[in-house]
Amino acid sequence: MCKQYFPDAKADLQPWNNDPDTINLVDPESIDIGFHFPGWSRKIQSRSILVQIRFHNDFIDNKHSLIGIETAGFNHTGEVWRLSTVDNWQLEGRCLPNDEVRDKLKEFCREIWQLF
């Protein structure tokens, strides 16, 4: 899916560093994927995107359901923007991607919703 929108991205199925700052962000009820670019992208305003697909495990009905998708762009200084489908699908941060990339990110999230 991501290659359709960001062809230069390389997927990382283990995106978390093994340090106290990032290990606290790991959610056992999520699928976490990092997408890394060959360099910093002006359009994306980052060099990596983290996608966290979050689920809720309903023990009564014994099923998982999608509750939201969190995406964040990172550069050498850390997180620079964030998009969450949990609230109002607004991009927030200090260095936002351009409008074309914003639309691609939202479409990517819509496709994840359809998949799950």
N, C-alpha and C. Protein backbone atom coordinates (compact mmCIF):
# COMPACT_ATOMS: atom_id res chain seq x y z
N MET A 1 0.81 -1.19 0.00
CA MET A 1 0.00 0.00 0.00
C MET A 1 0.85 1.27 0.00
N CYS A 2 1.79 1.35 0.90
CA CYS A 2 2.58 2.56 1.04
C CYS A 2 3.39 2.85 -0.22
N LYS A 3 3.88 1.82 -0.89
CA LYS A 3 4.68 2.00 -2.11
C LYS A 3 3.88 2.74 -3.19
N GLN A 4 2.57 2.55 -3.21
CA GLN A 4 1.71 3.24 -4.16
C GLN A 4 1.78 4.75 -3.94
N TYR A 5 1.85 5.18 -2.69
CA TYR A 5 1.85 6.60 -2.36
C TYR A 5 3.25 7.18 -2.20
N PHE A 6 4.17 6.37 -1.69
CA PHE A 6 5.54 6.80 -1.43
C PHE A 6 6.51 5.75 -1.97
N PRO A 7 6.78 5.76 -3.28
CA PRO A 7 7.57 4.69 -3.89
C PRO A 7 9.00 4.57 -3.39
N ASP A 8 9.59 5.63 -2.84
CA ASP A 8 10.97 5.58 -2.36
C ASP A 8 11.09 5.00 -0.95
N ALA A 9 9.98 4.78 -0.28
CA ALA A 9 10.00 4.34 1.12
C ALA A 9 10.42 2.88 1.25
N LYS A 10 11.21 2.61 2.29
CA LYS A 10 11.58 1.23 2.65
C LYS A 10 10.87 0.89 3.95
N ALA A 11 10.18 -0.23 3.97
CA ALA A 11 9.42 -0.64 5.16
C ALA A 11 10.34 -1.23 6.22
N ASP A 12 10.01 -0.96 7.46
CA ASP A 12 10.73 -1.48 8.63
C ASP A 12 9.68 -2.06 9.58
N LEU A 13 9.66 -3.37 9.71
CA LEU A 13 8.64 -4.02 10.54
C LEU A 13 9.00 -4.05 12.02
N GLN A 14 10.17 -3.54 12.39
CA GLN A 14 10.57 -3.41 13.79
C GLN A 14 11.12 -1.99 14.00
N PRO A 15 10.23 -0.99 13.96
CA PRO A 15 10.70 0.40 13.94
C PRO A 15 11.16 0.98 15.27
N TRP A 16 10.93 0.27 16.36
CA TRP A 16 11.23 0.85 17.68
C TRP A 16 12.68 0.61 18.07
N ASN A 17 13.30 1.66 18.59
CA ASN A 17 14.63 1.52 19.20
C ASN A 17 14.46 0.84 20.55
N ASN A 18 15.46 0.15 20.99
CA ASN A 18 15.39 -0.52 22.28
C ASN A 18 15.96 0.40 23.37
N ASP A 19 15.27 1.53 23.58
CA ASP A 19 15.69 2.47 24.61
C ASP A 19 14.46 2.92 25.40
N PRO A 20 14.65 3.47 26.60
CA PRO A 20 13.51 3.81 27.46
C PRO A 20 12.55 4.82 26.84
N ASP A 21 13.03 5.74 26.00
CA ASP A 21 12.15 6.75 25.42
C ASP A 21 11.15 6.17 24.44
N THR A 22 11.57 5.20 23.65
CA THR A 22 10.66 4.65 22.64
C THR A 22 9.98 3.37 23.10
N ILE A 23 10.57 2.64 23.98
CA ILE A 23 9.96 1.38 24.42
C ILE A 23 8.63 1.63 25.13
N ASN A 24 8.47 2.80 25.75
CA ASN A 24 7.21 3.17 26.41
C ASN A 24 6.09 3.39 25.41
N LEU A 25 6.43 3.67 24.15
CA LEU A 25 5.42 3.93 23.12
C LEU A 25 4.88 2.66 22.49
N VAL A 26 5.52 1.53 22.75
CA VAL A 26 5.10 0.26 22.17
C VAL A 26 3.76 -0.14 22.77
N ASP A 27 2.81 -0.43 21.89
CA ASP A 27 1.48 -0.86 22.30
C ASP A 27 1.33 -2.32 21.87
N PRO A 28 1.15 -3.24 22.82
CA PRO A 28 1.04 -4.66 22.44
C PRO A 28 -0.19 -4.95 21.57
N GLU A 29 -1.14 -4.04 21.53
CA GLU A 29 -2.35 -4.22 20.72
C GLU A 29 -2.25 -3.40 19.42
N SER A 30 -1.06 -3.30 18.86
CA SER A 30 -0.90 -2.51 17.63
C SER A 30 0.05 -3.21 16.66
N ILE A 31 -0.05 -2.79 15.41
CA ILE A 31 0.92 -3.16 14.38
C ILE A 31 1.71 -1.89 14.10
N ASP A 32 3.01 -1.96 14.26
CA ASP A 32 3.87 -0.79 14.09
C ASP A 32 4.80 -1.00 12.90
N ILE A 33 4.78 -0.03 11.98
CA ILE A 33 5.60 -0.10 10.78
C ILE A 33 6.28 1.25 10.58
N GLY A 34 7.57 1.21 10.29
CA GLY A 34 8.29 2.42 9.93
C GLY A 34 8.53 2.44 8.43
N PHE A 35 8.48 3.62 7.85
CA PHE A 35 8.81 3.79 6.44
C PHE A 35 9.93 4.82 6.37
N HIS A 36 11.05 4.42 5.80
CA HIS A 36 12.24 5.27 5.75
C HIS A 36 12.53 5.68 4.31
N PHE A 37 12.93 6.92 4.15
CA PHE A 37 13.24 7.48 2.84
C PHE A 37 14.74 7.62 2.69
N PRO A 38 15.24 7.66 1.44
CA PRO A 38 16.68 7.73 1.22
C PRO A 38 17.33 8.99 1.80
N GLY A 39 16.58 10.00 2.03
CA GLY A 39 17.08 11.25 2.62
C GLY A 39 15.90 12.07 3.11
N TRP A 40 16.16 13.24 3.58
CA TRP A 40 15.09 14.12 4.04
C TRP A 40 14.26 14.58 2.85
N SER A 41 12.96 14.54 2.97
CA SER A 41 12.06 14.93 1.89
C SER A 41 11.40 16.26 2.22
N ARG A 42 11.56 17.23 1.33
CA ARG A 42 10.94 18.54 1.51
C ARG A 42 9.42 18.43 1.50
N LYS A 43 8.88 17.60 0.60
CA LYS A 43 7.42 17.44 0.50
C LYS A 43 6.85 16.78 1.76
N ILE A 44 7.57 15.80 2.28
CA ILE A 44 7.09 15.04 3.43
C ILE A 44 7.54 15.70 4.74
N GLN A 45 8.57 16.54 4.67
CA GLN A 45 9.14 17.21 5.84
C GLN A 45 9.69 16.24 6.87
N SER A 46 10.16 15.10 6.38
CA SER A 46 10.75 14.10 7.28
C SER A 46 11.58 13.12 6.48
N ARG A 47 12.26 12.25 7.19
CA ARG A 47 12.99 11.17 6.52
C ARG A 47 12.45 9.80 6.90
N SER A 48 11.53 9.77 7.87
CA SER A 48 10.87 8.52 8.28
C SER A 48 9.44 8.82 8.71
N ILE A 49 8.57 7.85 8.45
CA ILE A 49 7.19 7.92 8.92
C ILE A 49 6.93 6.67 9.74
N LEU A 50 6.39 6.86 10.93
CA LEU A 50 5.98 5.74 11.76
C LEU A 50 4.47 5.61 11.66
N VAL A 51 4.00 4.40 11.41
CA VAL A 51 2.56 4.11 11.35
C VAL A 51 2.26 3.11 12.45
N GLN A 52 1.31 3.47 13.31
CA GLN A 52 0.88 2.58 14.38
C GLN A 52 -0.61 2.31 14.19
N ILE A 53 -0.92 1.07 13.84
CA ILE A 53 -2.31 0.65 13.62
C ILE A 53 -2.78 0.06 14.95
N ARG A 54 -3.71 0.75 15.61
CA ARG A 54 -4.08 0.39 16.97
C ARG A 54 -5.40 -0.39 17.01
N PHE A 55 -5.39 -1.44 17.82
CA PHE A 55 -6.54 -2.32 17.97
C PHE A 55 -6.99 -2.36 19.43
N HIS A 56 -8.23 -2.80 19.60
CA HIS A 56 -8.76 -3.07 20.94
C HIS A 56 -9.12 -4.54 20.98
N ASN A 57 -8.67 -5.21 22.02
CA ASN A 57 -8.97 -6.63 22.19
C ASN A 57 -10.17 -6.75 23.12
N ASP A 58 -11.30 -7.17 22.58
CA ASP A 58 -12.52 -7.36 23.36
C ASP A 58 -12.53 -8.80 23.87
N PHE A 59 -12.26 -8.96 25.16
CA PHE A 59 -12.16 -10.30 25.74
C PHE A 59 -13.53 -10.97 25.87
N ILE A 60 -14.58 -10.19 25.95
CA ILE A 60 -15.93 -10.77 26.07
C ILE A 60 -16.34 -11.42 24.75
N ASP A 61 -16.18 -10.68 23.64
CA ASP A 61 -16.54 -11.22 22.32
C ASP A 61 -15.37 -11.95 21.66
N ASN A 62 -14.20 -11.91 22.29
CA ASN A 62 -13.00 -12.57 21.78
C ASN A 62 -12.66 -12.14 20.35
N LYS A 63 -12.62 -10.80 20.14
CA LYS A 63 -12.21 -10.31 18.82
C LYS A 63 -11.46 -8.98 18.95
N HIS A 64 -10.62 -8.74 17.95
CA HIS A 64 -9.88 -7.48 17.84
C HIS A 64 -10.64 -6.54 16.91
N SER A 65 -10.63 -5.26 17.24
CA SER A 65 -11.22 -4.28 16.34
C SER A 65 -10.29 -3.07 16.23
N LEU A 66 -10.24 -2.50 15.05
CA LEU A 66 -9.40 -1.34 14.80
C LEU A 66 -10.00 -0.13 15.51
N ILE A 67 -9.16 0.58 16.28
CA ILE A 67 -9.65 1.79 16.95
C ILE A 67 -9.03 3.06 16.38
N GLY A 68 -7.94 2.94 15.63
CA GLY A 68 -7.36 4.13 15.04
C GLY A 68 -5.97 3.89 14.49
N ILE A 69 -5.52 4.89 13.75
CA ILE A 69 -4.19 4.85 13.14
C ILE A 69 -3.46 6.13 13.53
N GLU A 70 -2.26 5.95 14.03
CA GLU A 70 -1.41 7.09 14.39
C GLU A 70 -0.25 7.09 13.40
N THR A 71 0.01 8.23 12.77
CA THR A 71 1.18 8.36 11.91
C THR A 71 1.98 9.56 12.38
N ALA A 72 3.27 9.47 12.24
CA ALA A 72 4.13 10.59 12.65
C ALA A 72 5.35 10.64 11.74
N GLY A 73 5.76 11.86 11.41
CA GLY A 73 6.95 12.08 10.60
C GLY A 73 8.12 12.47 11.49
N PHE A 74 9.29 11.93 11.18
CA PHE A 74 10.49 12.18 11.99
C PHE A 74 11.64 12.65 11.11
N ASN A 75 12.45 13.54 11.66
CA ASN A 75 13.72 13.89 11.04
C ASN A 75 14.80 13.76 12.10
N HIS A 76 15.97 14.32 11.88
CA HIS A 76 17.09 14.15 12.82
C HIS A 76 16.83 14.79 14.19
N THR A 77 15.82 15.67 14.29
CA THR A 77 15.52 16.31 15.58
C THR A 77 14.42 15.59 16.35
N GLY A 78 13.79 14.58 15.73
CA GLY A 78 12.69 13.86 16.37
C GLY A 78 11.39 14.04 15.60
N GLU A 79 10.29 13.92 16.30
CA GLU A 79 8.98 14.03 15.66
C GLU A 79 8.72 15.45 15.21
N VAL A 80 8.27 15.61 13.95
CA VAL A 80 7.98 16.94 13.41
C VAL A 80 6.51 17.14 13.05
N TRP A 81 5.78 16.06 12.85
CA TRP A 81 4.34 16.15 12.62
C TRP A 81 3.66 14.85 13.02
N ARG A 82 2.34 14.94 13.17
CA ARG A 82 1.54 13.78 13.59
C ARG A 82 0.15 13.87 12.96
N LEU A 83 -0.37 12.70 12.54
CA LEU A 83 -1.74 12.58 12.04
C LEU A 83 -2.38 11.43 12.79
N SER A 84 -3.53 11.70 13.42
CA SER A 84 -4.25 10.66 14.14
C SER A 84 -5.67 10.55 13.59
N THR A 85 -6.10 9.31 13.34
CA THR A 85 -7.48 9.10 12.89
C THR A 85 -8.42 8.97 14.08
N VAL A 86 -7.86 8.98 15.29
CA VAL A 86 -8.68 8.81 16.48
C VAL A 86 -9.58 10.03 16.70
N ASP A 87 -9.08 11.21 16.37
CA ASP A 87 -9.85 12.42 16.62
C ASP A 87 -10.42 12.97 15.31
N ASN A 88 -9.81 13.98 14.76
CA ASN A 88 -10.40 14.67 13.61
C ASN A 88 -9.56 14.62 12.34
N TRP A 89 -8.61 13.72 12.28
CA TRP A 89 -7.79 13.50 11.09
C TRP A 89 -7.00 14.75 10.69
N GLN A 90 -6.64 15.59 11.65
CA GLN A 90 -5.86 16.80 11.37
C GLN A 90 -4.38 16.55 11.59
N LEU A 91 -3.57 17.08 10.68
CA LEU A 91 -2.12 17.04 10.85
C LEU A 91 -1.71 18.16 11.78
N GLU A 92 -0.85 17.82 12.73
CA GLU A 92 -0.35 18.80 13.68
C GLU A 92 1.15 18.66 13.77
N GLY A 93 1.83 19.75 14.05
CA GLY A 93 3.27 19.70 14.23
C GLY A 93 3.95 20.98 13.79
N ARG A 94 5.26 20.97 13.91
CA ARG A 94 6.02 22.19 13.60
C ARG A 94 6.45 22.28 12.15
N CYS A 95 6.52 21.17 11.44
CA CYS A 95 6.91 21.14 10.02
C CYS A 95 5.97 20.18 9.29
N LEU A 96 4.90 20.72 8.72
CA LEU A 96 3.87 19.88 8.11
C LEU A 96 4.21 19.55 6.65
N PRO A 97 3.82 18.35 6.20
CA PRO A 97 4.01 18.00 4.80
C PRO A 97 3.13 18.88 3.90
N ASN A 98 3.45 18.90 2.61
CA ASN A 98 2.63 19.72 1.70
C ASN A 98 1.26 19.08 1.50
N ASP A 99 0.36 19.81 0.83
CA ASP A 99 -1.03 19.35 0.67
C ASP A 99 -1.14 18.01 -0.05
N GLU A 100 -0.31 17.80 -1.07
CA GLU A 100 -0.35 16.54 -1.81
C GLU A 100 -0.03 15.36 -0.88
N VAL A 101 0.99 15.51 -0.05
CA VAL A 101 1.37 14.45 0.88
C VAL A 101 0.30 14.27 1.95
N ARG A 102 -0.28 15.34 2.43
CA ARG A 102 -1.38 15.23 3.41
C ARG A 102 -2.51 14.39 2.85
N ASP A 103 -2.89 14.65 1.60
CA ASP A 103 -3.96 13.87 0.96
C ASP A 103 -3.56 12.40 0.83
N LYS A 104 -2.30 12.14 0.46
CA LYS A 104 -1.82 10.75 0.33
C LYS A 104 -1.85 10.03 1.68
N LEU A 105 -1.44 10.72 2.74
CA LEU A 105 -1.45 10.12 4.08
C LEU A 105 -2.87 9.76 4.50
N LYS A 106 -3.81 10.65 4.25
CA LYS A 106 -5.20 10.39 4.63
C LYS A 106 -5.78 9.24 3.81
N GLU A 107 -5.46 9.19 2.52
CA GLU A 107 -5.94 8.08 1.68
C GLU A 107 -5.32 6.76 2.14
N PHE A 108 -4.04 6.78 2.48
CA PHE A 108 -3.36 5.60 3.02
C PHE A 108 -4.09 5.11 4.28
N CYS A 109 -4.44 6.02 5.17
CA CYS A 109 -5.15 5.65 6.40
C CYS A 109 -6.54 5.10 6.09
N ARG A 110 -7.24 5.68 5.11
CA ARG A 110 -8.55 5.17 4.72
C ARG A 110 -8.45 3.73 4.21
N GLU A 111 -7.38 3.44 3.45
CA GLU A 111 -7.19 2.08 2.94
C GLU A 111 -6.91 1.09 4.08
N ILE A 112 -6.18 1.54 5.09
CA ILE A 112 -5.94 0.66 6.26
C ILE A 112 -7.27 0.37 6.94
N TRP A 113 -8.13 1.39 7.10
CA TRP A 113 -9.44 1.18 7.72
C TRP A 113 -10.23 0.13 6.92
N GLN A 114 -10.18 0.24 5.60
CA GLN A 114 -10.92 -0.72 4.76
C GLN A 114 -10.36 -2.12 4.91
N LEU A 115 -9.03 -2.23 5.06
CA LEU A 115 -8.39 -3.52 5.20
C LEU A 115 -8.80 -4.24 6.48
N PHE A 116 -8.91 -3.48 7.57
CA PHE A 116 -9.22 -4.08 8.85
C PHE A 116 -10.67 -3.88 9.23
